[in-house]
N, C-alpha and C. Protein backbone atom coordinates (compact mmCIF):
# COMPACT_ATOMS: atom_id res chain seq x y z
N MET A 1 -0.35 8.77 8.74
CA MET A 1 -1.47 7.88 8.51
C MET A 1 -2.12 7.56 9.85
N ARG A 2 -3.43 7.69 9.85
CA ARG A 2 -4.19 7.41 11.06
C ARG A 2 -5.01 6.14 10.84
N LYS A 3 -5.12 5.31 11.87
CA LYS A 3 -5.91 4.08 11.79
C LYS A 3 -7.02 4.16 12.85
N LEU A 4 -8.26 3.91 12.41
CA LEU A 4 -9.40 4.00 13.31
C LEU A 4 -10.37 2.85 13.09
N LYS A 5 -11.08 2.50 14.13
CA LYS A 5 -12.19 1.56 14.02
C LYS A 5 -13.37 2.31 13.40
N THR A 6 -14.33 1.58 12.86
CA THR A 6 -15.46 2.22 12.17
C THR A 6 -16.23 3.19 13.06
N LYS A 7 -16.48 2.84 14.31
CA LYS A 7 -17.23 3.74 15.20
C LYS A 7 -16.46 5.03 15.45
N GLU A 8 -15.15 4.92 15.68
CA GLU A 8 -14.33 6.13 15.89
C GLU A 8 -14.36 7.02 14.65
N ALA A 9 -14.28 6.41 13.47
CA ALA A 9 -14.31 7.18 12.23
C ALA A 9 -15.66 7.87 12.06
N LYS A 10 -16.73 7.16 12.38
CA LYS A 10 -18.08 7.74 12.27
C LYS A 10 -18.23 8.91 13.24
N ASP A 11 -17.80 8.71 14.47
CA ASP A 11 -17.95 9.75 15.49
C ASP A 11 -17.08 10.98 15.22
N ASN A 12 -16.00 10.81 14.48
CA ASN A 12 -15.05 11.90 14.23
C ASN A 12 -14.90 12.25 12.75
N PHE A 13 -15.93 11.96 11.97
CA PHE A 13 -15.83 12.13 10.53
C PHE A 13 -15.47 13.56 10.12
N SER A 14 -16.14 14.55 10.68
CA SER A 14 -15.85 15.94 10.33
C SER A 14 -14.41 16.32 10.67
N LEU A 15 -13.92 15.86 11.80
CA LEU A 15 -12.53 16.12 12.19
C LEU A 15 -11.57 15.47 11.19
N LEU A 16 -11.86 14.24 10.79
CA LEU A 16 -11.00 13.55 9.84
C LEU A 16 -10.94 14.28 8.50
N ILE A 17 -12.09 14.75 8.04
CA ILE A 17 -12.14 15.51 6.78
C ILE A 17 -11.30 16.78 6.91
N ARG A 18 -11.42 17.46 8.01
CA ARG A 18 -10.64 18.69 8.22
C ARG A 18 -9.14 18.39 8.24
N LEU A 19 -8.74 17.33 8.94
CA LEU A 19 -7.33 16.96 8.99
C LEU A 19 -6.77 16.63 7.61
N LEU A 20 -7.56 15.93 6.81
CA LEU A 20 -7.14 15.62 5.45
C LEU A 20 -7.07 16.89 4.60
N ARG A 21 -8.07 17.74 4.70
CA ARG A 21 -8.12 18.97 3.91
C ARG A 21 -6.95 19.88 4.24
N GLU A 22 -6.58 19.95 5.51
CA GLU A 22 -5.49 20.83 5.95
C GLU A 22 -4.11 20.19 5.76
N GLY A 23 -4.07 18.94 5.32
CA GLY A 23 -2.80 18.28 5.10
C GLY A 23 -2.15 17.74 6.36
N LYS A 24 -2.89 17.70 7.46
CA LYS A 24 -2.33 17.19 8.71
C LYS A 24 -2.33 15.66 8.75
N GLU A 25 -3.11 15.05 7.88
CA GLU A 25 -3.11 13.60 7.68
C GLU A 25 -3.07 13.36 6.18
N ASP A 26 -2.31 12.34 5.76
CA ASP A 26 -2.28 12.04 4.34
C ASP A 26 -3.31 10.98 3.96
N ARG A 27 -3.69 10.16 4.93
CA ARG A 27 -4.77 9.19 4.72
C ARG A 27 -5.22 8.62 6.04
N VAL A 28 -6.43 8.07 6.04
CA VAL A 28 -7.03 7.47 7.22
C VAL A 28 -7.52 6.08 6.81
N ILE A 29 -7.05 5.07 7.53
CA ILE A 29 -7.48 3.70 7.27
C ILE A 29 -8.54 3.34 8.30
N ILE A 30 -9.66 2.83 7.83
CA ILE A 30 -10.77 2.47 8.72
C ILE A 30 -10.86 0.95 8.81
N TYR A 31 -10.91 0.46 10.04
CA TYR A 31 -10.92 -0.97 10.31
C TYR A 31 -12.26 -1.43 10.84
N ASN A 32 -12.66 -2.61 10.40
CA ASN A 32 -13.80 -3.31 10.98
C ASN A 32 -13.20 -4.48 11.73
N GLY A 33 -13.07 -4.33 13.03
CA GLY A 33 -12.32 -5.31 13.82
C GLY A 33 -10.85 -5.15 13.48
N ASP A 34 -10.22 -6.23 13.03
CA ASP A 34 -8.81 -6.17 12.65
C ASP A 34 -8.60 -6.09 11.14
N ILE A 35 -9.70 -5.93 10.40
CA ILE A 35 -9.63 -5.94 8.94
C ILE A 35 -9.79 -4.53 8.39
N PRO A 36 -8.81 -4.04 7.61
CA PRO A 36 -8.96 -2.73 6.98
C PRO A 36 -10.04 -2.81 5.90
N VAL A 37 -11.00 -1.89 5.94
CA VAL A 37 -12.12 -1.94 4.99
C VAL A 37 -12.26 -0.69 4.13
N ALA A 38 -11.64 0.41 4.53
CA ALA A 38 -11.79 1.66 3.77
C ALA A 38 -10.59 2.55 4.01
N GLU A 39 -10.42 3.47 3.06
CA GLU A 39 -9.34 4.45 3.17
C GLU A 39 -9.91 5.82 2.80
N LEU A 40 -9.65 6.80 3.64
CA LEU A 40 -9.98 8.19 3.33
C LEU A 40 -8.68 8.89 2.96
N ARG A 41 -8.70 9.65 1.89
CA ARG A 41 -7.53 10.41 1.50
C ARG A 41 -7.98 11.67 0.78
N PRO A 42 -7.13 12.67 0.71
CA PRO A 42 -7.52 13.90 0.03
C PRO A 42 -7.83 13.63 -1.44
N TYR A 43 -8.79 14.37 -1.95
CA TYR A 43 -9.17 14.24 -3.36
C TYR A 43 -8.09 14.87 -4.23
N GLN A 44 -7.79 14.23 -5.35
CA GLN A 44 -6.86 14.78 -6.32
C GLN A 44 -7.56 14.84 -7.66
N GLU A 45 -7.49 16.00 -8.30
CA GLU A 45 -8.07 16.16 -9.63
C GLU A 45 -7.35 15.21 -10.59
N PRO A 46 -8.10 14.58 -11.50
CA PRO A 46 -7.42 13.76 -12.51
C PRO A 46 -6.64 14.65 -13.45
N PRO A 47 -5.65 14.10 -14.12
CA PRO A 47 -4.88 14.91 -15.06
C PRO A 47 -5.80 15.55 -16.09
N SER A 48 -5.54 16.79 -16.44
CA SER A 48 -6.43 17.50 -17.35
C SER A 48 -6.22 17.08 -18.80
N LYS A 49 -5.07 16.56 -19.11
CA LYS A 49 -4.79 16.18 -20.49
C LYS A 49 -4.36 14.72 -20.52
N ILE A 50 -5.07 13.94 -21.30
CA ILE A 50 -4.75 12.53 -21.44
C ILE A 50 -3.92 12.36 -22.71
N HIS A 51 -2.79 11.70 -22.58
CA HIS A 51 -1.92 11.45 -23.72
C HIS A 51 -2.13 10.02 -24.20
N LEU A 52 -2.63 9.89 -25.39
CA LEU A 52 -2.83 8.57 -25.98
C LEU A 52 -1.63 8.23 -26.85
N PHE A 53 -1.28 6.98 -26.86
CA PHE A 53 -0.16 6.54 -27.68
C PHE A 53 -0.43 6.89 -29.14
N GLY A 54 0.54 7.47 -29.77
CA GLY A 54 0.42 7.80 -31.18
C GLY A 54 -0.16 9.18 -31.47
N THR A 55 -0.51 9.92 -30.45
CA THR A 55 -1.09 11.25 -30.69
C THR A 55 -0.07 12.36 -30.50
N ASP A 56 1.12 12.02 -30.14
CA ASP A 56 2.17 13.01 -29.96
C ASP A 56 2.63 13.51 -31.32
N LYS A 57 2.44 14.79 -31.59
CA LYS A 57 2.75 15.36 -32.91
C LYS A 57 4.25 15.38 -33.18
N THR A 58 5.08 15.19 -32.17
CA THR A 58 6.52 15.22 -32.39
C THR A 58 7.08 13.85 -32.76
N ALA A 59 6.29 12.81 -32.64
CA ALA A 59 6.76 11.47 -32.98
C ALA A 59 6.92 11.35 -34.49
N LYS A 60 8.00 10.75 -34.90
CA LYS A 60 8.25 10.56 -36.33
C LYS A 60 8.58 9.10 -36.58
N MET A 61 8.15 8.62 -37.74
CA MET A 61 8.40 7.25 -38.11
C MET A 61 9.32 7.27 -39.33
N SER A 62 10.34 6.43 -39.30
CA SER A 62 11.26 6.41 -40.43
C SER A 62 10.56 5.83 -41.66
N GLU A 63 11.04 6.22 -42.83
CA GLU A 63 10.45 5.76 -44.08
C GLU A 63 10.57 4.25 -44.25
N ASP A 64 11.63 3.66 -43.70
CA ASP A 64 11.85 2.22 -43.88
C ASP A 64 11.50 1.41 -42.63
N PHE A 65 10.50 1.87 -41.88
CA PHE A 65 10.14 1.18 -40.64
C PHE A 65 9.75 -0.28 -40.87
N ASP A 66 9.29 -0.58 -42.07
CA ASP A 66 8.81 -1.93 -42.36
C ASP A 66 9.81 -2.79 -43.12
N ARG A 67 11.05 -2.39 -43.19
CA ARG A 67 12.02 -3.09 -44.03
C ARG A 67 12.27 -4.53 -43.59
N TYR A 68 12.07 -4.86 -42.34
CA TYR A 68 12.34 -6.22 -41.87
C TYR A 68 11.09 -7.10 -41.86
N LEU A 69 9.98 -6.57 -42.31
CA LEU A 69 8.76 -7.38 -42.37
C LEU A 69 8.86 -8.38 -43.52
N PRO A 70 8.34 -9.57 -43.32
CA PRO A 70 8.33 -10.53 -44.44
C PRO A 70 7.46 -9.99 -45.58
N ASP A 71 7.76 -10.37 -46.80
CA ASP A 71 7.03 -9.86 -47.96
C ASP A 71 5.54 -10.17 -47.88
N GLU A 72 5.16 -11.34 -47.32
CA GLU A 72 3.73 -11.69 -47.26
C GLU A 72 2.98 -10.74 -46.32
N VAL A 73 3.66 -10.20 -45.34
CA VAL A 73 3.02 -9.22 -44.44
C VAL A 73 2.97 -7.86 -45.15
N LYS A 74 4.03 -7.48 -45.85
CA LYS A 74 4.04 -6.21 -46.58
C LYS A 74 2.92 -6.19 -47.63
N ASP A 75 2.63 -7.34 -48.24
CA ASP A 75 1.59 -7.41 -49.27
C ASP A 75 0.20 -7.17 -48.68
N LEU A 76 0.03 -7.38 -47.38
CA LEU A 76 -1.26 -7.16 -46.74
C LEU A 76 -1.56 -5.67 -46.55
N VAL A 77 -0.51 -4.87 -46.52
CA VAL A 77 -0.68 -3.44 -46.24
C VAL A 77 -1.03 -2.67 -47.45
């Protein structure tokens, strides 16, 4: 991890991008004075497949899943 002031980051932006692209740096933190204000890091593709709860075709529900529900709740279904 590299830490730079904003002017240093601006003056060396192309170098920082190359270092990140080549894996020589994992991230760069940019400071305005003593306060961290930005982070540069390599881009990562988002996952190609999103898994939503309940969409897994292998999930099975037992026939008596509702056996402990009160009768007034069962009557609503």
